[in-house]
Amino acid sequence: MMRWTMPAAMLLLAACGGGTEDQRTAEADAPVTPSVPEAAPATPAPAQEGAPPPDYVADPSIAPPAAAEAGVGQGSATIPAAIRGRWGLVAADCTSTKGDAKGLLTIGPADLRFYESHGVLARIRERDAARIVADYKFSGEGMTWDRLMQLTTENGGRTLVRRDYGEGAEGGPLRYSRCA
């Protein structure tokens, strides 16, 4: 068996050879013809009604505010009513009675409460009835930090999508379900 294995392996390697230098040069010099005809430059499609808005593009030159801006958290400068309430990353976050709901997020008019941290609304960058992009001042476990966050409701208000921006932000969007 071993006597046939080595010659077979050599034949396989030889079959993988790239041909002669002349063949490789001729292939490299040949014009490339696209298999799909080139299309005109794409124009942005109009937004579909009810479609989620595009992700916010954070401007790194805008520093977080040193303190909450005047009027934030009052009147219309609050977190939209459609976003407020209790949200869980998993169903058990909404029903836990043991205090171990680590994925529970409670949103008020001007604050966010997580398992071990609390964020206070400091500046609103964009806002509509089902979406807010804002800076928050967080504290928890003896630390304080700033976080730029986008919160958007989807599925008729049953799903909350959270996107964090900046240093230490979550890698991708987090999807929460509204607690009953």
N, C-alpha and C. Protein backbone atom coordinates (compact mmCIF):
# COMPACT_ATOMS: atom_id res chain seq x y z
N MET A 1 0.83 -1.18 0.00
CA MET A 1 0.00 0.00 0.00
C MET A 1 0.87 1.25 0.00
N MET A 2 1.88 1.29 0.85
CA MET A 2 2.77 2.44 0.94
C MET A 2 3.50 2.67 -0.37
N ARG A 3 3.81 1.57 -1.09
CA ARG A 3 4.55 1.69 -2.34
C ARG A 3 3.74 2.50 -3.36
N TRP A 4 2.42 2.43 -3.34
CA TRP A 4 1.58 3.15 -4.31
C TRP A 4 1.19 4.54 -3.82
N THR A 5 1.28 4.81 -2.54
CA THR A 5 0.87 6.10 -1.99
C THR A 5 1.78 7.23 -2.45
N MET A 6 3.10 7.04 -2.37
CA MET A 6 4.04 8.10 -2.75
C MET A 6 3.94 8.45 -4.24
N PRO A 7 3.95 7.48 -5.16
CA PRO A 7 3.82 7.85 -6.58
C PRO A 7 2.48 8.55 -6.88
N ALA A 8 1.42 8.12 -6.21
CA ALA A 8 0.11 8.75 -6.43
C ALA A 8 0.14 10.20 -5.95
N ALA A 9 0.78 10.45 -4.82
CA ALA A 9 0.89 11.81 -4.30
C ALA A 9 1.70 12.68 -5.25
N MET A 10 2.78 12.14 -5.83
CA MET A 10 3.61 12.90 -6.77
C MET A 10 2.82 13.25 -8.02
N LEU A 11 2.01 12.30 -8.51
CA LEU A 11 1.20 12.58 -9.69
C LEU A 11 0.18 13.68 -9.41
N LEU A 12 -0.41 13.66 -8.21
CA LEU A 12 -1.37 14.70 -7.86
C LEU A 12 -0.70 16.07 -7.80
N LEU A 13 0.49 16.14 -7.24
CA LEU A 13 1.22 17.40 -7.18
C LEU A 13 1.58 17.89 -8.57
N ALA A 14 1.99 16.99 -9.44
CA ALA A 14 2.35 17.38 -10.80
C ALA A 14 1.12 17.90 -11.55
N ALA A 15 -0.03 17.33 -11.27
CA ALA A 15 -1.25 17.78 -11.94
C ALA A 15 -1.64 19.19 -11.50
N CYS A 16 -1.20 19.60 -10.32
CA CYS A 16 -1.52 20.93 -9.81
C CYS A 16 -0.56 21.99 -10.34
N GLY A 17 0.41 21.62 -11.13
CA GLY A 17 1.41 22.57 -11.64
C GLY A 17 0.76 23.68 -12.42
N GLY A 18 1.41 24.82 -12.47
CA GLY A 18 0.86 25.99 -13.10
C GLY A 18 1.19 26.10 -14.56
N GLY A 19 1.74 25.10 -15.21
CA GLY A 19 2.09 25.18 -16.63
C GLY A 19 3.46 25.82 -16.78
N THR A 20 3.78 26.14 -18.02
CA THR A 20 5.09 26.74 -18.28
C THR A 20 5.02 28.23 -18.04
N GLU A 21 6.17 28.85 -17.94
CA GLU A 21 6.26 30.30 -17.75
C GLU A 21 5.61 31.04 -18.90
N ASP A 22 5.77 30.53 -20.14
CA ASP A 22 5.18 31.18 -21.31
C ASP A 22 3.65 31.16 -21.24
N GLN A 23 3.09 30.04 -20.75
CA GLN A 23 1.63 29.95 -20.64
C GLN A 23 1.11 30.94 -19.60
N ARG A 24 1.80 31.04 -18.44
CA ARG A 24 1.36 31.95 -17.39
C ARG A 24 1.44 33.40 -17.86
N THR A 25 2.49 33.77 -18.60
CA THR A 25 2.63 35.14 -19.09
C THR A 25 1.53 35.46 -20.10
N ALA A 26 1.24 34.53 -21.01
CA ALA A 26 0.20 34.77 -22.00
C ALA A 26 -1.17 34.94 -21.33
N GLU A 27 -1.43 34.14 -20.30
CA GLU A 27 -2.71 34.25 -19.60
C GLU A 27 -2.80 35.57 -18.85
N ALA A 28 -1.69 36.03 -18.27
CA ALA A 28 -1.70 37.28 -17.53
C ALA A 28 -1.88 38.47 -18.45
N ASP A 29 -1.37 38.39 -19.69
CA ASP A 29 -1.47 39.50 -20.64
C ASP A 29 -2.80 39.53 -21.37
N ALA A 30 -3.57 38.46 -21.32
CA ALA A 30 -4.84 38.39 -22.05
C ALA A 30 -5.83 39.38 -21.44
N PRO A 31 -6.61 40.07 -22.27
CA PRO A 31 -7.59 41.01 -21.72
C PRO A 31 -8.67 40.26 -20.95
N VAL A 32 -9.13 40.89 -19.90
CA VAL A 32 -10.18 40.30 -19.08
C VAL A 32 -11.52 40.82 -19.57
N THR A 33 -12.40 39.90 -19.90
CA THR A 33 -13.73 40.27 -20.37
C THR A 33 -14.71 39.93 -19.27
N PRO A 34 -15.42 40.93 -18.75
CA PRO A 34 -16.37 40.62 -17.68
C PRO A 34 -17.48 39.71 -18.18
N SER A 35 -17.88 38.78 -17.34
CA SER A 35 -18.94 37.86 -17.73
C SER A 35 -20.31 38.50 -17.59
N VAL A 36 -20.39 39.58 -16.83
CA VAL A 36 -21.65 40.30 -16.67
C VAL A 36 -21.44 41.70 -17.22
N PRO A 37 -22.31 42.17 -18.07
CA PRO A 37 -22.12 43.51 -18.62
C PRO A 37 -22.15 44.55 -17.51
N GLU A 38 -21.33 45.59 -17.69
CA GLU A 38 -21.28 46.65 -16.69
C GLU A 38 -22.60 47.41 -16.70
N ALA A 39 -23.06 47.71 -15.52
CA ALA A 39 -24.32 48.44 -15.39
C ALA A 39 -24.01 49.90 -15.08
N ALA A 40 -24.97 50.72 -15.26
CA ALA A 40 -24.82 52.13 -14.91
C ALA A 40 -24.64 52.22 -13.40
N PRO A 41 -23.98 53.28 -12.92
CA PRO A 41 -23.79 53.42 -11.48
C PRO A 41 -25.14 53.35 -10.77
N ALA A 42 -25.13 52.64 -9.66
CA ALA A 42 -26.37 52.45 -8.91
C ALA A 42 -26.79 53.76 -8.26
N THR A 43 -28.06 54.04 -8.34
CA THR A 43 -28.60 55.19 -7.63
C THR A 43 -29.34 54.64 -6.43
N PRO A 44 -29.31 55.37 -5.33
CA PRO A 44 -29.98 54.85 -4.14
C PRO A 44 -31.47 54.65 -4.41
N ALA A 45 -31.95 53.50 -4.00
CA ALA A 45 -33.37 53.22 -4.16
C ALA A 45 -34.15 54.05 -3.15
N PRO A 46 -35.33 54.48 -3.51
CA PRO A 46 -36.11 55.24 -2.54
C PRO A 46 -36.45 54.36 -1.35
N ALA A 47 -36.50 54.97 -0.17
CA ALA A 47 -36.79 54.21 1.04
C ALA A 47 -38.20 53.65 0.97
N GLN A 48 -38.32 52.38 1.31
CA GLN A 48 -39.63 51.75 1.31
C GLN A 48 -40.36 52.18 2.57
N GLU A 49 -41.64 52.38 2.43
CA GLU A 49 -42.42 52.78 3.58
C GLU A 49 -42.39 51.66 4.61
N GLY A 50 -42.12 52.01 5.85
CA GLY A 50 -42.05 51.03 6.92
C GLY A 50 -40.71 50.34 7.04
N ALA A 51 -39.77 50.63 6.12
CA ALA A 51 -38.44 50.03 6.20
C ALA A 51 -37.64 50.71 7.30
N PRO A 52 -36.77 49.97 7.99
CA PRO A 52 -35.97 50.59 9.04
C PRO A 52 -35.02 51.61 8.43
N PRO A 53 -34.74 52.69 9.17
CA PRO A 53 -33.82 53.70 8.65
C PRO A 53 -32.41 53.14 8.57
N PRO A 54 -31.56 53.73 7.75
CA PRO A 54 -30.19 53.25 7.66
C PRO A 54 -29.47 53.47 8.98
N ASP A 55 -28.41 52.71 9.18
CA ASP A 55 -27.62 52.87 10.40
C ASP A 55 -27.04 54.27 10.46
N TYR A 56 -26.93 54.77 11.65
CA TYR A 56 -26.33 56.08 11.90
C TYR A 56 -24.83 55.97 11.64
N VAL A 57 -24.25 56.99 11.08
CA VAL A 57 -22.80 57.03 10.88
C VAL A 57 -22.24 58.02 11.88
N ALA A 58 -21.54 57.51 12.88
CA ALA A 58 -21.02 58.36 13.95
C ALA A 58 -19.87 59.22 13.45
N ASP A 59 -19.87 60.49 13.84
CA ASP A 59 -18.79 61.41 13.51
C ASP A 59 -17.82 61.42 14.68
N PRO A 60 -16.62 60.84 14.52
CA PRO A 60 -15.68 60.75 15.64
C PRO A 60 -15.19 62.11 16.13
N SER A 61 -15.39 63.17 15.34
CA SER A 61 -14.93 64.49 15.77
C SER A 61 -15.88 65.13 16.78
N ILE A 62 -17.08 64.56 16.94
CA ILE A 62 -18.03 65.11 17.91
C ILE A 62 -17.81 64.40 19.24
N ALA A 63 -17.29 65.13 20.19
CA ALA A 63 -17.01 64.57 21.51
C ALA A 63 -18.30 64.48 22.31
N PRO A 64 -18.38 63.53 23.24
CA PRO A 64 -19.57 63.46 24.09
C PRO A 64 -19.65 64.72 24.96
N PRO A 65 -20.85 65.14 25.32
CA PRO A 65 -20.97 66.34 26.15
C PRO A 65 -20.41 66.09 27.55
N ALA A 66 -19.89 67.14 28.16
CA ALA A 66 -19.34 67.02 29.51
C ALA A 66 -20.46 66.77 30.52
N ALA A 67 -21.63 67.31 30.25
CA ALA A 67 -22.81 67.11 31.09
C ALA A 67 -24.02 67.09 30.18
N ALA A 68 -25.15 66.71 30.73
CA ALA A 68 -26.37 66.69 29.93
C ALA A 68 -26.68 68.09 29.42
N GLU A 69 -27.05 68.19 28.15
CA GLU A 69 -27.39 69.48 27.57
C GLU A 69 -28.69 70.00 28.19
N ALA A 70 -28.82 71.30 28.23
CA ALA A 70 -30.00 71.94 28.82
C ALA A 70 -31.27 71.46 28.11
N GLY A 71 -32.27 71.11 28.90
CA GLY A 71 -33.56 70.69 28.34
C GLY A 71 -33.67 69.24 27.96
N VAL A 72 -32.54 68.53 27.89
CA VAL A 72 -32.60 67.11 27.54
C VAL A 72 -33.28 66.35 28.66
N GLY A 73 -34.20 65.49 28.29
CA GLY A 73 -34.96 64.72 29.26
C GLY A 73 -36.27 65.38 29.63
N GLN A 74 -36.58 66.51 28.98
CA GLN A 74 -37.81 67.23 29.26
C GLN A 74 -38.56 67.49 27.96
N GLY A 75 -39.87 67.54 28.03
CA GLY A 75 -40.69 67.85 26.86
C GLY A 75 -40.43 66.89 25.72
N SER A 76 -40.16 67.43 24.53
CA SER A 76 -39.92 66.58 23.36
C SER A 76 -38.47 66.10 23.29
N ALA A 77 -37.62 66.57 24.18
CA ALA A 77 -36.21 66.14 24.19
C ALA A 77 -36.04 64.92 25.08
N THR A 78 -36.87 63.90 24.82
CA THR A 78 -36.83 62.67 25.59
C THR A 78 -36.72 61.48 24.65
N ILE A 79 -36.57 60.33 25.23
CA ILE A 79 -36.58 59.09 24.45
C ILE A 79 -38.02 58.88 23.98
N PRO A 80 -38.23 58.58 22.69
CA PRO A 80 -39.59 58.42 22.18
C PRO A 80 -40.40 57.39 22.96
N ALA A 81 -41.69 57.66 23.13
CA ALA A 81 -42.57 56.77 23.89
C ALA A 81 -42.58 55.35 23.33
N ALA A 82 -42.46 55.20 22.02
CA ALA A 82 -42.49 53.86 21.40
C ALA A 82 -41.30 53.00 21.83
N ILE A 83 -40.25 53.63 22.31
CA ILE A 83 -39.03 52.90 22.70
C ILE A 83 -39.03 52.59 24.19
N ARG A 84 -39.76 53.34 24.97
CA ARG A 84 -39.76 53.16 26.43
C ARG A 84 -40.40 51.84 26.83
N GLY A 85 -39.92 51.31 27.96
CA GLY A 85 -40.49 50.07 28.48
C GLY A 85 -39.40 49.08 28.85
N ARG A 86 -39.81 47.84 29.02
CA ARG A 86 -38.89 46.76 29.39
C ARG A 86 -38.63 45.89 28.18
N TRP A 87 -37.34 45.57 27.94
CA TRP A 87 -36.91 44.80 26.78
C TRP A 87 -35.95 43.71 27.25
N GLY A 88 -36.05 42.51 26.68
CA GLY A 88 -35.16 41.42 27.04
C GLY A 88 -34.42 40.86 25.84
N LEU A 89 -33.14 40.53 26.04
CA LEU A 89 -32.37 39.86 24.98
C LEU A 89 -32.90 38.45 24.75
N VAL A 90 -33.33 37.80 25.83
CA VAL A 90 -33.97 36.48 25.75
C VAL A 90 -35.25 36.54 26.58
N ALA A 91 -36.17 35.63 26.34
CA ALA A 91 -37.46 35.64 27.02
C ALA A 91 -37.31 35.60 28.54
N ALA A 92 -36.34 34.85 29.05
CA ALA A 92 -36.15 34.71 30.49
C ALA A 92 -35.79 36.04 31.16
N ASP A 93 -35.22 36.99 30.39
CA ASP A 93 -34.91 38.30 30.97
C ASP A 93 -36.18 39.02 31.42
N CYS A 94 -37.27 38.76 30.76
CA CYS A 94 -38.53 39.43 31.06
C CYS A 94 -39.27 38.79 32.23
N THR A 95 -39.00 37.53 32.51
CA THR A 95 -39.78 36.80 33.51
C THR A 95 -39.01 36.44 34.77
N SER A 96 -37.73 36.73 34.83
CA SER A 96 -36.92 36.34 35.98
C SER A 96 -37.40 37.04 37.25
N THR A 97 -37.50 36.25 38.33
CA THR A 97 -37.86 36.81 39.64
C THR A 97 -36.68 36.71 40.60
N LYS A 98 -35.54 36.23 40.11
CA LYS A 98 -34.37 36.02 40.96
C LYS A 98 -33.38 37.18 40.89
N GLY A 99 -33.68 38.20 40.09
CA GLY A 99 -32.76 39.32 39.96
C GLY A 99 -31.56 39.02 39.08
N ASP A 100 -31.67 37.99 38.24
CA ASP A 100 -30.54 37.59 37.40
C ASP A 100 -30.79 37.85 35.92
N ALA A 101 -31.66 38.80 35.62
CA ALA A 101 -32.01 39.11 34.23
C ALA A 101 -30.92 40.00 33.63
N LYS A 102 -29.80 39.40 33.27
CA LYS A 102 -28.64 40.17 32.80
C LYS A 102 -28.86 40.81 31.44
N GLY A 103 -29.86 40.37 30.69
CA GLY A 103 -30.15 40.96 29.38
C GLY A 103 -31.33 41.90 29.39
N LEU A 104 -31.83 42.25 30.58
CA LEU A 104 -32.98 43.14 30.68
C LEU A 104 -32.53 44.59 30.51
N LEU A 105 -33.26 45.33 29.69
CA LEU A 105 -33.03 46.76 29.46
C LEU A 105 -34.35 47.48 29.74
N THR A 106 -34.33 48.41 30.69
CA THR A 106 -35.51 49.20 31.01
C THR A 106 -35.25 50.63 30.56
N ILE A 107 -36.14 51.15 29.71
CA ILE A 107 -35.95 52.47 29.12
C ILE A 107 -37.04 53.41 29.62
N GLY A 108 -36.61 54.53 30.19
CA GLY A 108 -37.52 55.57 30.65
C GLY A 108 -37.45 56.78 29.73
N PRO A 109 -38.08 57.88 30.09
CA PRO A 109 -38.06 59.07 29.24
C PRO A 109 -36.66 59.66 29.04
N ALA A 110 -35.77 59.46 30.02
CA ALA A 110 -34.44 60.07 29.92
C ALA A 110 -33.33 59.16 30.42
N ASP A 111 -33.59 57.86 30.51
CA ASP A 111 -32.54 56.98 31.01
C ASP A 111 -32.70 55.55 30.52
N LEU A 112 -31.59 54.80 30.62
CA LEU A 112 -31.52 53.39 30.27
C LEU A 112 -31.00 52.65 31.49
N ARG A 113 -31.65 51.55 31.86
CA ARG A 113 -31.18 50.75 33.00
C ARG A 113 -30.88 49.34 32.53
N PHE A 114 -29.63 48.94 32.74
CA PHE A 114 -29.19 47.59 32.45
C PHE A 114 -28.99 46.86 33.77
N TYR A 115 -28.55 45.61 33.70
CA TYR A 115 -28.36 44.77 34.89
C TYR A 115 -27.44 45.44 35.91
N GLU A 116 -26.30 45.95 35.45
CA GLU A 116 -25.33 46.54 36.38
C GLU A 116 -24.90 47.95 36.00
N SER A 117 -25.70 48.64 35.18
CA SER A 117 -25.33 50.01 34.81
C SER A 117 -26.57 50.84 34.52
N HIS A 118 -26.37 52.14 34.54
CA HIS A 118 -27.45 53.09 34.34
C HIS A 118 -26.93 54.21 33.45
N GLY A 119 -27.67 54.51 32.38
CA GLY A 119 -27.27 55.58 31.46
C GLY A 119 -28.29 56.70 31.47
N VAL A 120 -27.79 57.95 31.57
CA VAL A 120 -28.65 59.12 31.57
C VAL A 120 -28.50 59.84 30.24
N LEU A 121 -29.62 60.19 29.63
CA LEU A 121 -29.63 60.89 28.35
C LEU A 121 -28.88 62.22 28.50
N ALA A 122 -27.88 62.45 27.63
CA ALA A 122 -27.08 63.67 27.71
C ALA A 122 -27.25 64.58 26.49
N ARG A 123 -27.42 64.00 25.31
CA ARG A 123 -27.60 64.80 24.09
C ARG A 123 -28.30 63.94 23.05
N ILE A 124 -29.27 64.53 22.37
CA ILE A 124 -29.97 63.85 21.28
C ILE A 124 -29.37 64.33 19.97
N ARG A 125 -28.92 63.37 19.14
CA ARG A 125 -28.36 63.71 17.83
C ARG A 125 -29.42 63.61 16.73
N GLU A 126 -30.24 62.57 16.79
CA GLU A 126 -31.34 62.38 15.84
C GLU A 126 -32.49 61.74 16.60
N ARG A 127 -33.71 62.07 16.20
CA ARG A 127 -34.87 61.51 16.90
C ARG A 127 -36.08 61.54 15.99
N ASP A 128 -36.87 60.46 16.02
CA ASP A 128 -38.21 60.46 15.45
C ASP A 128 -39.06 59.56 16.34
N ALA A 129 -40.26 59.25 15.92
CA ALA A 129 -41.20 58.53 16.79
C ALA A 129 -40.74 57.13 17.18
N ALA A 130 -39.91 56.48 16.36
CA ALA A 130 -39.50 55.10 16.64
C ALA A 130 -37.98 54.92 16.64
N ARG A 131 -37.24 56.03 16.75
CA ARG A 131 -35.78 55.93 16.67
C ARG A 131 -35.14 57.10 17.39
N ILE A 132 -34.03 56.83 18.06
CA ILE A 132 -33.25 57.89 18.68
C ILE A 132 -31.77 57.54 18.57
N VAL A 133 -30.98 58.54 18.27
CA VAL A 133 -29.52 58.43 18.32
C VAL A 133 -29.09 59.47 19.34
N ALA A 134 -28.45 59.03 20.41
CA ALA A 134 -28.15 59.95 21.50
C ALA A 134 -26.89 59.54 22.25
N ASP A 135 -26.34 60.53 22.97
CA ASP A 135 -25.22 60.31 23.87
C ASP A 135 -25.79 60.08 25.27
N TYR A 136 -25.19 59.14 25.98
CA TYR A 136 -25.61 58.83 27.35
C TYR A 136 -24.40 58.87 28.26
N LYS A 137 -24.62 59.27 29.51
CA LYS A 137 -23.61 59.24 30.56
C LYS A 137 -23.93 58.00 31.40
N PHE A 138 -23.01 57.04 31.40
CA PHE A 138 -23.23 55.78 32.11
C PHE A 138 -22.43 55.71 33.40
N SER A 139 -22.98 54.94 34.35
CA SER A 139 -22.25 54.61 35.57
C SER A 139 -22.66 53.19 35.96
N GLY A 140 -21.72 52.50 36.59
CA GLY A 140 -21.99 51.15 37.04
C GLY A 140 -20.72 50.46 37.48
N GLU A 141 -20.83 49.66 38.51
CA GLU A 141 -19.70 48.90 39.05
C GLU A 141 -18.51 49.80 39.35
N GLY A 142 -18.78 51.01 39.89
CA GLY A 142 -17.71 51.92 40.29
C GLY A 142 -17.04 52.66 39.14
N MET A 143 -17.60 52.58 37.95
CA MET A 143 -16.99 53.25 36.79
C MET A 143 -18.00 54.19 36.15
N THR A 144 -17.48 55.15 35.35
CA THR A 144 -18.33 56.02 34.55
C THR A 144 -17.78 56.04 33.13
N TRP A 145 -18.67 56.18 32.14
CA TRP A 145 -18.25 56.24 30.74
C TRP A 145 -19.35 56.88 29.91
N ASP A 146 -18.99 57.30 28.71
CA ASP A 146 -19.92 57.87 27.75
C ASP A 146 -20.19 56.84 26.66
N ARG A 147 -21.42 56.86 26.13
CA ARG A 147 -21.75 55.93 25.04
C ARG A 147 -22.72 56.62 24.08
N LEU A 148 -22.39 56.56 22.80
CA LEU A 148 -23.30 56.98 21.74
C LEU A 148 -24.08 55.74 21.33
N MET A 149 -25.40 55.86 21.27
CA MET A 149 -26.23 54.69 21.03
C MET A 149 -27.40 55.04 20.11
N GLN A 150 -27.74 54.09 19.24
CA GLN A 150 -28.94 54.20 18.41
C GLN A 150 -29.92 53.15 18.88
N LEU A 151 -31.14 53.56 19.13
CA LEU A 151 -32.23 52.65 19.50
C LEU A 151 -33.34 52.80 18.47
N THR A 152 -33.76 51.69 17.89
CA THR A 152 -34.79 51.71 16.85
C THR A 152 -35.78 50.58 17.11
N THR A 153 -37.07 50.88 17.01
CA THR A 153 -38.06 49.81 17.13
C THR A 153 -38.40 49.29 15.74
N GLU A 154 -38.68 47.99 15.68
CA GLU A 154 -39.06 47.31 14.45
C GLU A 154 -40.23 46.37 14.76
N ASN A 155 -40.77 45.75 13.73
CA ASN A 155 -41.86 44.76 13.88
C ASN A 155 -43.03 45.33 14.67
N GLY A 156 -43.44 46.54 14.32
CA GLY A 156 -44.59 47.13 14.99
C GLY A 156 -44.34 47.43 16.46
N GLY A 157 -43.10 47.68 16.83
CA GLY A 157 -42.77 48.00 18.22
C GLY A 157 -42.48 46.80 19.09
N ARG A 158 -42.43 45.61 18.50
CA ARG A 158 -42.16 44.39 19.28
C ARG A 158 -40.67 44.10 19.42
N THR A 159 -39.84 44.70 18.56
CA THR A 159 -38.39 44.46 18.57
C THR A 159 -37.66 45.79 18.71
N LEU A 160 -36.64 45.80 19.53
CA LEU A 160 -35.77 46.97 19.70
C LEU A 160 -34.39 46.57 19.21
N VAL A 161 -33.81 47.38 18.33
CA VAL A 161 -32.45 47.13 17.85
C VAL A 161 -31.56 48.20 18.45
N ARG A 162 -30.52 47.76 19.14
CA ARG A 162 -29.57 48.67 19.79
C ARG A 162 -28.24 48.58 19.09
N ARG A 163 -27.69 49.74 18.71
CA ARG A 163 -26.36 49.82 18.12
C ARG A 163 -25.54 50.80 18.94
N ASP A 164 -24.37 50.36 19.40
CA ASP A 164 -23.47 51.21 20.16
C ASP A 164 -22.35 51.70 19.26
N TYR A 165 -21.84 52.88 19.54
CA TYR A 165 -20.75 53.46 18.75
C TYR A 165 -19.65 53.93 19.69
N GLY A 166 -18.42 53.93 19.18
CA GLY A 166 -17.29 54.45 19.94
C GLY A 166 -16.49 53.36 20.61
N GLU A 167 -15.51 53.81 21.37
CA GLU A 167 -14.60 52.90 22.06
C GLU A 167 -15.36 52.03 23.05
N GLY A 168 -15.12 50.73 23.01
CA GLY A 168 -15.77 49.79 23.91
C GLY A 168 -17.19 49.42 23.52
N ALA A 169 -17.61 49.82 22.33
CA ALA A 169 -18.97 49.54 21.88
C ALA A 169 -19.14 48.07 21.52
N GLU A 170 -20.38 47.60 21.60
CA GLU A 170 -20.71 46.24 21.17
C GLU A 170 -20.34 46.09 19.70
N GLY A 171 -19.95 44.90 19.28
CA GLY A 171 -19.51 44.67 17.91
C GLY A 171 -20.59 44.79 16.85
N GLY A 172 -21.79 44.50 17.16
CA GLY A 172 -22.87 44.55 16.18
C GLY A 172 -24.17 44.91 16.85
N PRO A 173 -25.24 44.91 16.10
CA PRO A 173 -26.53 45.27 16.70
C PRO A 173 -27.02 44.19 17.66
N LEU A 174 -27.69 44.62 18.71
CA LEU A 174 -28.32 43.72 19.67
C LEU A 174 -29.83 43.84 19.49
N ARG A 175 -30.51 42.71 19.46
CA ARG A 175 -31.96 42.70 19.23
C ARG A 175 -32.67 42.26 20.52
N TYR A 176 -33.57 43.11 20.98
CA TYR A 176 -34.34 42.86 22.18
C TYR A 176 -35.81 42.64 21.79
N SER A 177 -36.52 41.89 22.63
CA SER A 177 -37.96 41.72 22.46
C SER A 177 -38.66 42.46 23.59
N ARG A 178 -39.78 43.09 23.26
CA ARG A 178 -40.53 43.83 24.29
C ARG A 178 -41.10 42.83 25.30
N CYS A 179 -40.94 43.15 26.57
CA CYS A 179 -41.50 42.32 27.63
C CYS A 179 -43.00 42.59 27.73
N ALA A 180 -43.76 41.53 28.02
CA ALA A 180 -45.23 41.67 28.12
C ALA A 180 -45.61 42.38 29.39
